[in-house]
């Protein structure tokens, strides 16, 4: 999945990437050869930050990038990073399996 392929027409309150409005948008990407999974949290007005349980729910859902049965181990969290267009900020969570 490309980052730009996120459905921007579906409102946050109706999307599973926000837990139906429970938290900011979470997008999962993987690096198979490095056994690494990254979750990008896009900080959106009016939505709270995710917690670890929210991130694991999304990481193990339809965006899964690691093998079934493999457990993700938290490695690091980035500082807030402003998007290239400067319209939003994101936080990146890194995991290995």
PDB file of N, CA and C in Angstrom:
ATOM      1  N   UNK A   1       0.844  -1.174   0.000  1.00  0.00           N
ATOM      2  CA  UNK A   1       0.000   0.000   0.000  1.00  0.00           C
ATOM      3  C   UNK A   1       0.889   1.236   0.000  1.00  0.00           C
ATOM      4  N   UNK A   2       0.603   2.135  -0.878  1.00  0.00           N
ATOM      5  CA  UNK A   2       1.295   3.419  -0.906  1.00  0.00           C
ATOM      6  C   UNK A   2       0.624   4.344   0.100  1.00  0.00           C
ATOM      7  N   UNK A   3       1.406   5.234   0.710  1.00  0.00           N
ATOM      8  CA  UNK A   3       0.847   6.187   1.681  1.00  0.00           C
ATOM      9  C   UNK A   3      -0.257   7.021   1.049  1.00  0.00           C
ATOM     10  N   UNK A   4      -0.130   7.347  -0.220  1.00  0.00           N
ATOM     11  CA  UNK A   4      -1.124   8.205  -0.861  1.00  0.00           C
ATOM     12  C   UNK A   4      -2.419   7.465  -1.181  1.00  0.00           C
ATOM     13  N   UNK A   5      -2.463   6.134  -1.009  1.00  0.00           N
ATOM     14  CA  UNK A   5      -3.641   5.350  -1.340  1.00  0.00           C
ATOM     15  C   UNK A   5      -4.698   5.333  -0.242  1.00  0.00           C
ATOM     16  N   UNK A   6      -4.498   6.073   0.821  1.00  0.00           N
ATOM     17  CA  UNK A   6      -5.472   6.108   1.904  1.00  0.00           C
ATOM     18  C   UNK A   6      -6.736   6.801   1.402  1.00  0.00           C
ATOM     19  N   UNK A   7      -7.869   6.218   1.712  1.00  0.00           N
ATOM     20  CA  UNK A   7      -9.141   6.760   1.270  1.00  0.00           C
ATOM     21  C   UNK A   7      -9.426   8.067   2.003  1.00  0.00           C
ATOM     22  N   UNK A   8      -9.380   9.173   1.289  1.00  0.00           N
ATOM     23  CA  UNK A   8      -9.625  10.471   1.909  1.00  0.00           C
ATOM     24  C   UNK A   8     -11.089  10.871   1.831  1.00  0.00           C
ATOM     25  N   UNK A   9     -11.914  10.059   1.190  1.00  0.00           N
ATOM     26  CA  UNK A   9     -13.332  10.362   1.083  1.00  0.00           C
ATOM     27  C   UNK A   9     -14.096   9.839   2.299  1.00  0.00           C
ATOM     28  N   UNK A  10     -13.656   8.719   2.859  1.00  0.00           N
ATOM     29  CA  UNK A  10     -14.316   8.154   4.034  1.00  0.00           C
ATOM     30  C   UNK A  10     -14.026   9.028   5.253  1.00  0.00           C
ATOM     31  N   UNK A  11     -15.055   9.535   5.923  1.00  0.00           N
ATOM     32  CA  UNK A  11     -14.820  10.359   7.120  1.00  0.00           C
ATOM     33  C   UNK A  11     -14.115   9.563   8.217  1.00  0.00           C
ATOM     34  N   UNK A  12     -13.308  10.245   9.020  1.00  0.00           N
ATOM     35  CA  UNK A  12     -12.563   9.579  10.086  1.00  0.00           C
ATOM     36  C   UNK A  12     -13.461   8.770  11.016  1.00  0.00           C
ATOM     37  N   UNK A  13     -14.654   9.262  11.298  1.00  0.00           N
ATOM     38  CA  UNK A  13     -15.555   8.559  12.213  1.00  0.00           C
ATOM     39  C   UNK A  13     -16.121   7.275  11.623  1.00  0.00           C
ATOM     40  N   UNK A  14     -15.900   7.043  10.314  1.00  0.00           N
ATOM     41  CA  UNK A  14     -16.391   5.833   9.658  1.00  0.00           C
ATOM     42  C   UNK A  14     -15.253   4.936   9.171  1.00  0.00           C
ATOM     43  N   UNK A  15     -14.025   5.210   9.583  1.00  0.00           N
ATOM     44  CA  UNK A  15     -12.863   4.495   9.058  1.00  0.00           C
ATOM     45  C   UNK A  15     -12.191   3.632  10.124  1.00  0.00           C
ATOM     46  N   UNK A  16     -11.790   2.417   9.712  1.00  0.00           N
ATOM     47  CA  UNK A  16     -11.082   1.549  10.651  1.00  0.00           C
ATOM     48  C   UNK A  16      -9.662   2.031  10.929  1.00  0.00           C
ATOM     49  N   UNK A  17      -9.081   2.865  10.072  1.00  0.00           N
ATOM     50  CA  UNK A  17      -7.724   3.372  10.329  1.00  0.00           C
ATOM     51  C   UNK A  17      -7.707   4.395  11.469  1.00  0.00           C
ATOM     52  N   UNK A  18      -8.892   4.839  11.909  1.00  0.00           N
ATOM     53  CA  UNK A  18      -8.993   5.720  13.082  1.00  0.00           C
ATOM     54  C   UNK A  18      -9.730   5.029  14.225  1.00  0.00           C
ATOM     55  N   UNK A  19      -9.995   3.731  14.075  1.00  0.00           N
ATOM     56  CA  UNK A  19     -10.782   3.038  15.092  1.00  0.00           C
ATOM     57  C   UNK A  19     -12.168   3.659  15.200  1.00  0.00           C
ATOM     58  N   UNK A  20     -12.672   4.134  14.050  1.00  0.00           N
ATOM     59  CA  UNK A  20     -13.984   4.785  13.980  1.00  0.00           C
ATOM     60  C   UNK A  20     -14.038   6.005  14.902  1.00  0.00           C
ATOM     61  N   UNK A  21     -12.960   6.800  14.838  1.00  0.00           N
ATOM     62  CA  UNK A  21     -12.891   8.050  15.584  1.00  0.00           C
ATOM     63  C   UNK A  21     -12.262   7.951  16.957  1.00  0.00           C
ATOM     64  N   UNK A  22     -11.758   6.772  17.337  1.00  0.00           N
ATOM     65  CA  UNK A  22     -11.129   6.595  18.653  1.00  0.00           C
ATOM     66  C   UNK A  22      -9.745   7.232  18.724  1.00  0.00           C
ATOM     67  N   UNK A  23      -9.045   7.340  17.578  1.00  0.00           N
ATOM     68  CA  UNK A  23      -7.670   7.838  17.571  1.00  0.00           C
ATOM     69  C   UNK A  23      -7.335   8.395  16.194  1.00  0.00           C
ATOM     70  N   UNK A  24      -6.145   9.007  16.073  1.00  0.00           N
ATOM     71  CA  UNK A  24      -5.644   9.517  14.796  1.00  0.00           C
ATOM     72  C   UNK A  24      -5.526   8.386  13.785  1.00  0.00           C
ATOM     73  N   UNK A  25      -5.355   8.753  12.512  1.00  0.00           N
ATOM     74  CA  UNK A  25      -5.165   7.762  11.451  1.00  0.00           C
ATOM     75  C   UNK A  25      -3.859   7.003  11.666  1.00  0.00           C
ATOM     76  N   UNK A  26      -3.926   5.683  11.509  1.00  0.00           N
ATOM     77  CA  UNK A  26      -2.754   4.824  11.623  1.00  0.00           C
ATOM     78  C   UNK A  26      -2.564   4.080  10.317  1.00  0.00           C
ATOM     79  N   UNK A  27      -1.364   4.181   9.753  1.00  0.00           N
ATOM     80  CA  UNK A  27      -1.034   3.523   8.492  1.00  0.00           C
ATOM     81  C   UNK A  27       0.193   2.648   8.703  1.00  0.00           C
ATOM     82  N   UNK A  28       0.114   1.410   8.247  1.00  0.00           N
ATOM     83  CA  UNK A  28       1.155   0.414   8.505  1.00  0.00           C
ATOM     84  C   UNK A  28       1.952   0.154   7.234  1.00  0.00           C
ATOM     85  N   UNK A  29       3.287   0.105   7.362  1.00  0.00           N
ATOM     86  CA  UNK A  29       4.146  -0.285   6.242  1.00  0.00           C
ATOM     87  C   UNK A  29       5.171  -1.276   6.769  1.00  0.00           C
ATOM     88  N   UNK A  30       5.753  -2.034   5.860  1.00  0.00           N
ATOM     89  CA  UNK A  30       6.715  -3.047   6.274  1.00  0.00           C
ATOM     90  C   UNK A  30       7.953  -3.069   5.419  1.00  0.00           C
ATOM     91  N   UNK A  31       9.016  -3.625   5.992  1.00  0.00           N
ATOM     92  CA  UNK A  31      10.266  -3.848   5.287  1.00  0.00           C
ATOM     93  C   UNK A  31      10.596  -5.327   5.471  1.00  0.00           C
ATOM     94  N   UNK A  32      10.094  -6.205   4.581  1.00  0.00           N
ATOM     95  CA  UNK A  32      10.210  -7.650   4.777  1.00  0.00           C
ATOM     96  C   UNK A  32      11.631  -8.154   5.010  1.00  0.00           C
ATOM     97  N   UNK A  33      12.595  -7.718   4.229  1.00  0.00           N
ATOM     98  CA  UNK A  33      13.961  -8.201   4.397  1.00  0.00           C
ATOM     99  C   UNK A  33      14.577  -7.817   5.734  1.00  0.00           C
ATOM    100  N   UNK A  34      14.075  -6.750   6.330  1.00  0.00           N
ATOM    101  CA  UNK A  34      14.610  -6.285   7.613  1.00  0.00           C
ATOM    102  C   UNK A  34      13.721  -6.668   8.789  1.00  0.00           C
ATOM    103  N   UNK A  35      12.591  -7.356   8.510  1.00  0.00           N
ATOM    104  CA  UNK A  35      11.653  -7.773   9.549  1.00  0.00           C
ATOM    105  C   UNK A  35      11.243  -6.589  10.428  1.00  0.00           C
ATOM    106  N   UNK A  36      10.904  -5.510   9.753  1.00  0.00           N
ATOM    107  CA  UNK A  36      10.552  -4.274  10.443  1.00  0.00           C
ATOM    108  C   UNK A  36       9.168  -3.810   9.995  1.00  0.00           C
ATOM    109  N   UNK A  37       8.383  -3.296  10.933  1.00  0.00           N
ATOM    110  CA  UNK A  37       7.061  -2.738  10.653  1.00  0.00           C
ATOM    111  C   UNK A  37       7.031  -1.328  11.223  1.00  0.00           C
ATOM    112  N   UNK A  38       6.523  -0.398  10.426  1.00  0.00           N
ATOM    113  CA  UNK A  38       6.405   0.988  10.856  1.00  0.00           C
ATOM    114  C   UNK A  38       4.937   1.395  10.806  1.00  0.00           C
ATOM    115  N   UNK A  39       4.498   2.075  11.843  1.00  0.00           N
ATOM    116  CA  UNK A  39       3.137   2.594  11.893  1.00  0.00           C
ATOM    117  C   UNK A  39       3.234   4.111  11.937  1.00  0.00           C
ATOM    118  N   UNK A  40       2.622   4.750  10.944  1.00  0.00           N
ATOM    119  CA  UNK A  40       2.606   6.217  10.908  1.00  0.00           C
ATOM    120  C   UNK A  40       1.277   6.693  11.480  1.00  0.00           C
ATOM    121  N   UNK A  41       1.353   7.589  12.456  1.00  0.00           N
ATOM    122  CA  UNK A  41       0.153   8.183  13.038  1.00  0.00           C
ATOM    123  C   UNK A  41       0.051   9.617  12.557  1.00  0.00           C
ATOM    124  N   UNK A  42      -0.967   9.897  11.739  1.00  0.00           N
ATOM    125  CA  UNK A  42      -1.200  11.247  11.242  1.00  0.00           C
ATOM    126  C   UNK A  42      -2.041  12.000  12.268  1.00  0.00           C
ATOM    127  N   UNK A  43      -1.504  13.068  12.790  1.00  0.00           N
ATOM    128  CA  UNK A  43      -2.172  13.828  13.835  1.00  0.00           C
ATOM    129  C   UNK A  43      -3.243  14.702  13.200  1.00  0.00           C
ATOM    130  N   UNK A  44      -4.491  14.440  13.593  1.00  0.00           N
ATOM    131  CA  UNK A  44      -5.656  15.093  13.003  1.00  0.00           C
ATOM    132  C   UNK A  44      -6.373  15.926  14.061  1.00  0.00           C
ATOM    133  N   UNK A  45      -6.872  17.092  13.693  1.00  0.00           N
ATOM    134  CA  UNK A  45      -7.631  17.904  14.655  1.00  0.00           C
ATOM    135  C   UNK A  45      -8.859  17.136  15.161  1.00  0.00           C
ATOM    136  N   UNK A  46      -9.055  17.148  16.463  1.00  0.00           N
ATOM    137  CA  UNK A  46     -10.240  16.531  17.048  1.00  0.00           C
ATOM    138  C   UNK A  46     -10.133  15.054  17.349  1.00  0.00           C
ATOM    139  N   UNK A  47      -9.023  14.412  16.990  1.00  0.00           N
ATOM    140  CA  UNK A  47      -8.848  12.989  17.285  1.00  0.00           C
ATOM    141  C   UNK A  47      -7.702  12.815  18.278  1.00  0.00           C
ATOM    142  N   UNK A  48      -7.862  11.923  19.274  1.00  0.00           N
ATOM    143  CA  UNK A  48      -6.790  11.701  20.253  1.00  0.00           C
ATOM    144  C   UNK A  48      -5.656  10.851  19.679  1.00  0.00           C
ATOM    145  N   UNK A  49      -4.516  10.899  20.339  1.00  0.00           N
ATOM    146  CA  UNK A  49      -3.390  10.039  19.983  1.00  0.00           C
ATOM    147  C   UNK A  49      -3.784   8.586  20.258  1.00  0.00           C
ATOM    148  N   UNK A  50      -3.198   7.676  19.492  1.00  0.00           N
ATOM    149  CA  UNK A  50      -3.452   6.250  19.699  1.00  0.00           C
ATOM    150  C   UNK A  50      -2.669   5.763  20.913  1.00  0.00           C
ATOM    151  N   UNK A  51      -3.055   4.594  21.406  1.00  0.00           N
ATOM    152  CA  UNK A  51      -2.254   3.926  22.427  1.00  0.00           C
ATOM    153  C   UNK A  51      -1.726   2.622  21.822  1.00  0.00           C
ATOM    154  N   UNK A  52      -0.932   1.894  22.565  1.00  0.00           N
ATOM    155  CA  UNK A  52      -0.308   0.669  22.047  1.00  0.00           C
ATOM    156  C   UNK A  52      -1.365  -0.351  21.605  1.00  0.00           C
ATOM    157  N   UNK A  53      -2.430  -0.465  22.359  1.00  0.00           N
ATOM    158  CA  UNK A  53      -3.490  -1.407  22.003  1.00  0.00           C
ATOM    159  C   UNK A  53      -4.120  -1.030  20.651  1.00  0.00           C
ATOM    160  N   UNK A  54      -4.372   0.258  20.430  1.00  0.00           N
ATOM    161  CA  UNK A  54      -4.908   0.724  19.150  1.00  0.00           C
ATOM    162  C   UNK A  54      -3.958   0.371  18.009  1.00  0.00           C
ATOM    163  N   UNK A  55      -2.662   0.625  18.216  1.00  0.00           N
ATOM    164  CA  UNK A  55      -1.679   0.361  17.156  1.00  0.00           C
ATOM    165  C   UNK A  55      -1.592  -1.132  16.838  1.00  0.00           C
ATOM    166  N   UNK A  56      -1.645  -1.984  17.846  1.00  0.00           N
ATOM    167  CA  UNK A  56      -1.583  -3.429  17.598  1.00  0.00           C
ATOM    168  C   UNK A  56      -2.846  -3.913  16.895  1.00  0.00           C
ATOM    169  N   UNK A  57      -4.005  -3.345  17.210  1.00  0.00           N
ATOM    170  CA  UNK A  57      -5.246  -3.726  16.539  1.00  0.00           C
ATOM    171  C   UNK A  57      -5.131  -3.427  15.042  1.00  0.00           C
ATOM    172  N   UNK A  58      -4.609  -2.257  14.699  1.00  0.00           N
ATOM    173  CA  UNK A  58      -4.465  -1.888  13.284  1.00  0.00           C
ATOM    174  C   UNK A  58      -3.357  -2.723  12.625  1.00  0.00           C
ATOM    175  N   UNK A  59      -2.227  -2.908  13.309  1.00  0.00           N
ATOM    176  CA  UNK A  59      -1.099  -3.660  12.737  1.00  0.00           C
ATOM    177  C   UNK A  59      -1.465  -5.112  12.442  1.00  0.00           C
ATOM    178  N   UNK A  60      -2.397  -5.668  13.204  1.00  0.00           N
ATOM    179  CA  UNK A  60      -2.802  -7.060  13.003  1.00  0.00           C
ATOM    180  C   UNK A  60      -4.065  -7.196  12.166  1.00  0.00           C
ATOM    181  N   UNK A  61      -4.572  -6.099  11.623  1.00  0.00           N
ATOM    182  CA  UNK A  61      -5.768  -6.112  10.787  1.00  0.00           C
ATOM    183  C   UNK A  61      -5.417  -6.234   9.317  1.00  0.00           C
ATOM    184  N   UNK A  62      -6.228  -5.625   8.471  1.00  0.00           N
ATOM    185  CA  UNK A  62      -6.049  -5.754   7.019  1.00  0.00           C
ATOM    186  C   UNK A  62      -4.760  -5.118   6.511  1.00  0.00           C
ATOM    187  N   UNK A  63      -4.123  -4.244   7.301  1.00  0.00           N
ATOM    188  CA  UNK A  63      -2.853  -3.634   6.887  1.00  0.00           C
ATOM    189  C   UNK A  63      -1.638  -4.469   7.303  1.00  0.00           C
ATOM    190  N   UNK A  64      -1.838  -5.648   7.839  1.00  0.00           N
ATOM    191  CA  UNK A  64      -0.762  -6.504   8.377  1.00  0.00           C
ATOM    192  C   UNK A  64       0.428  -6.576   7.424  1.00  0.00           C
ATOM    193  N   UNK A  65       1.638  -6.399   7.978  1.00  0.00           N
ATOM    194  CA  UNK A  65       2.872  -6.469   7.198  1.00  0.00           C
ATOM    195  C   UNK A  65       3.829  -7.523   7.733  1.00  0.00           C
ATOM    196  N   UNK A  66       3.414  -8.276   8.735  1.00  0.00           N
ATOM    197  CA  UNK A  66       4.264  -9.304   9.330  1.00  0.00           C
ATOM    198  C   UNK A  66       3.509 -10.644   9.283  1.00  0.00           C
ATOM    199  N   UNK A  67       4.239 -11.756   9.356  1.00  0.00           N
ATOM    200  CA  UNK A  67       3.596 -13.067   9.265  1.00  0.00           C
ATOM    201  C   UNK A  67       2.657 -13.323  10.449  1.00  0.00           C
ATOM    202  N   UNK A  68       1.601 -14.077  10.203  1.00  0.00           N
ATOM    203  CA  UNK A  68       0.715 -14.487  11.300  1.00  0.00           C
ATOM    204  C   UNK A  68       1.534 -15.273  12.314  1.00  0.00           C
ATOM    205  N   UNK A  69       1.274 -15.038  13.570  1.00  0.00           N
ATOM    206  CA  UNK A  69       1.998 -15.730  14.634  1.00  0.00           C
ATOM    207  C   UNK A  69       3.254 -14.992  15.079  1.00  0.00           C
ATOM    208  N   UNK A  70       3.774 -14.108  14.233  1.00  0.00           N
ATOM    209  CA  UNK A  70       4.945 -13.319  14.627  1.00  0.00           C
ATOM    210  C   UNK A  70       4.469 -12.182  15.525  1.00  0.00           C
ATOM    211  N   UNK A  71       5.179 -11.932  16.601  1.00  0.00           N
ATOM    212  CA  UNK A  71       4.812 -10.868  17.530  1.00  0.00           C
ATOM    213  C   UNK A  71       5.675  -9.637  17.262  1.00  0.00           C
ATOM    214  N   UNK A  72       5.019  -8.500  17.240  1.00  0.00           N
ATOM    215  CA  UNK A  72       5.747  -7.252  17.049  1.00  0.00           C
ATOM    216  C   UNK A  72       6.358  -6.810  18.377  1.00  0.00           C
ATOM    217  N   UNK A  73       7.617  -6.361  18.298  1.00  0.00           N
ATOM    218  CA  UNK A  73       8.312  -5.843  19.476  1.00  0.00           C
ATOM    219  C   UNK A  73       8.634  -4.381  19.223  1.00  0.00           C
ATOM    220  N   UNK A  74       8.176  -3.525  20.118  1.00  0.00           N
ATOM    221  CA  UNK A  74       8.379  -2.084  19.994  1.00  0.00           C
ATOM    222  C   UNK A  74       9.872  -1.752  20.029  1.00  0.00           C
ATOM    223  N   UNK A  75      10.290  -0.817  19.150  1.00  0.00           N
ATOM    224  CA  UNK A  75      11.686  -0.384  19.091  1.00  0.00           C
ATOM    225  C   UNK A  75      11.815   1.109  19.385  1.00  0.00           C
ATOM    226  N   UNK A  76      11.030   1.955  18.703  1.00  0.00           N
ATOM    227  CA  UNK A  76      11.231   3.399  18.847  1.00  0.00           C
ATOM    228  C   UNK A  76      10.017   4.191  18.391  1.00  0.00           C
ATOM    229  N   UNK A  77       9.957   5.436  18.855  1.00  0.00           N
ATOM    230  CA  UNK A  77       8.957   6.415  18.417  1.00  0.00           C
ATOM    231  C   UNK A  77       9.701   7.650  17.948  1.00  0.00           C
ATOM    232  N   UNK A  78       9.298   8.193  16.813  1.00  0.00           N
ATOM    233  CA  UNK A  78       9.939   9.406  16.296  1.00  0.00           C
ATOM    234  C   UNK A  78       9.354  10.638  16.980  1.00  0.00           C
ATOM    235  N   UNK A  79      10.032  11.745  16.823  1.00  0.00           N
ATOM    236  CA  UNK A  79       9.459  13.038  17.189  1.00  0.00           C
ATOM    237  C   UNK A  79       8.371  13.345  16.164  1.00  0.00           C
ATOM    238  N   UNK A  80       7.531  14.331  16.442  1.00  0.00           N
ATOM    239  CA  UNK A  80       6.544  14.761  15.453  1.00  0.00           C
ATOM    240  C   UNK A  80       7.267  15.298  14.223  1.00  0.00           C
ATOM    241  N   UNK A  81       6.815  14.869  13.040  1.00  0.00           N
ATOM    242  CA  UNK A  81       7.421  15.283  11.779  1.00  0.00           C
ATOM    243  C   UNK A  81       6.331  15.936  10.936  1.00  0.00           C
ATOM    244  N   UNK A  82       6.608  17.125  10.413  1.00  0.00           N
ATOM    245  CA  UNK A  82       5.641  17.811   9.547  1.00  0.00           C
ATOM    246  C   UNK A  82       5.732  17.220   8.146  1.00  0.00           C
ATOM    247  N   UNK A  83       4.572  17.040   7.496  1.00  0.00           N
ATOM    248  CA  UNK A  83       4.534  16.472   6.150  1.00  0.00           C
ATOM    249  C   UNK A  83       5.254  17.388   5.168  1.00  0.00           C
ATOM    250  N   UNK A  84       5.613  16.844   4.011  1.00  0.00           N
ATOM    251  CA  UNK A  84       6.288  17.632   2.988  1.00  0.00           C
ATOM    252  C   UNK A  84       5.501  18.851   2.570  1.00  0.00           C
ATOM    253  N   UNK A  85       4.174  18.713   2.512  1.00  0.00           N
ATOM    254  CA  UNK A  85       3.320  19.842   2.142  1.00  0.00           C
ATOM    255  C   UNK A  85       3.082  20.766   3.341  1.00  0.00           C
ATOM    256  N   UNK A  86       3.446  20.286   4.536  1.00  0.00           N
ATOM    257  CA  UNK A  86       3.299  21.105   5.732  1.00  0.00           C
ATOM    258  C   UNK A  86       1.892  21.200   6.274  1.00  0.00           C
ATOM    259  N   UNK A  87       0.988  20.344   5.764  1.00  0.00           N
ATOM    260  CA  UNK A  87      -0.408  20.459   6.175  1.00  0.00           C
ATOM    261  C   UNK A  87      -0.759  19.621   7.404  1.00  0.00           C
ATOM    262  N   UNK A  88       0.062  18.651   7.773  1.00  0.00           N
ATOM    263  CA  UNK A  88      -0.194  17.876   8.982  1.00  0.00           C
ATOM    264  C   UNK A  88       1.119  17.375   9.561  1.00  0.00           C
ATOM    265  N   UNK A  89       1.040  16.859  10.792  1.00  0.00           N
ATOM    266  CA  UNK A  89       2.192  16.270  11.460  1.00  0.00           C
ATOM    267  C   UNK A  89       1.941  14.779  11.641  1.00  0.00           C
ATOM    268  N   UNK A  90       3.029  14.019  11.698  1.00  0.00           N
ATOM    269  CA  UNK A  90       2.946  12.576  11.907  1.00  0.00           C
ATOM    270  C   UNK A  90       3.965  12.143  12.947  1.00  0.00           C
ATOM    271  N   UNK A  91       3.678  11.009  13.568  1.00  0.00           N
ATOM    272  CA  UNK A  91       4.595  10.328  14.475  1.00  0.00           C
ATOM    273  C   UNK A  91       4.775   8.928  13.919  1.00  0.00           C
ATOM    274  N   UNK A  92       6.009   8.431  13.947  1.00  0.00           N
ATOM    275  CA  UNK A  92       6.313   7.103  13.402  1.00  0.00           C
ATOM    276  C   UNK A  92       6.704   6.175  14.544  1.00  0.00           C
ATOM    277  N   UNK A  93       6.075   4.976  14.598  1.00  0.00           N
ATOM    278  CA  UNK A  93       6.384   3.950  15.590  1.00  0.00           C
ATOM    279  C   UNK A  93       7.049   2.795  14.851  1.00  0.00           C
ATOM    280  N   UNK A  94       8.179   2.324  15.362  1.00  0.00           N
ATOM    281  CA  UNK A  94       8.910   1.250  14.706  1.00  0.00           C
ATOM    282  C   UNK A  94       8.863  -0.011  15.571  1.00  0.00           C
ATOM    283  N   UNK A  95       8.628  -1.142  14.904  1.00  0.00           N
ATOM    284  CA  UNK A  95       8.574  -2.444  15.547  1.00  0.00           C
ATOM    285  C   UNK A  95       9.401  -3.442  14.736  1.00  0.00           C
ATOM    286  N   UNK A  96       9.866  -4.482  15.363  1.00  0.00           N
ATOM    287  CA  UNK A  96      10.527  -5.601  14.673  1.00  0.00           C
ATOM    288  C   UNK A  96       9.808  -6.889  15.052  1.00  0.00           C
ATOM    289  N   UNK A  97      10.003  -7.921  14.238  1.00  0.00           N
ATOM    290  CA  UNK A  97       9.417  -9.238  14.532  1.00  0.00           C
ATOM    291  C   UNK A  97      10.433 -10.313  14.276  1.00  0.00           C
TER     292      UNK A  97
END
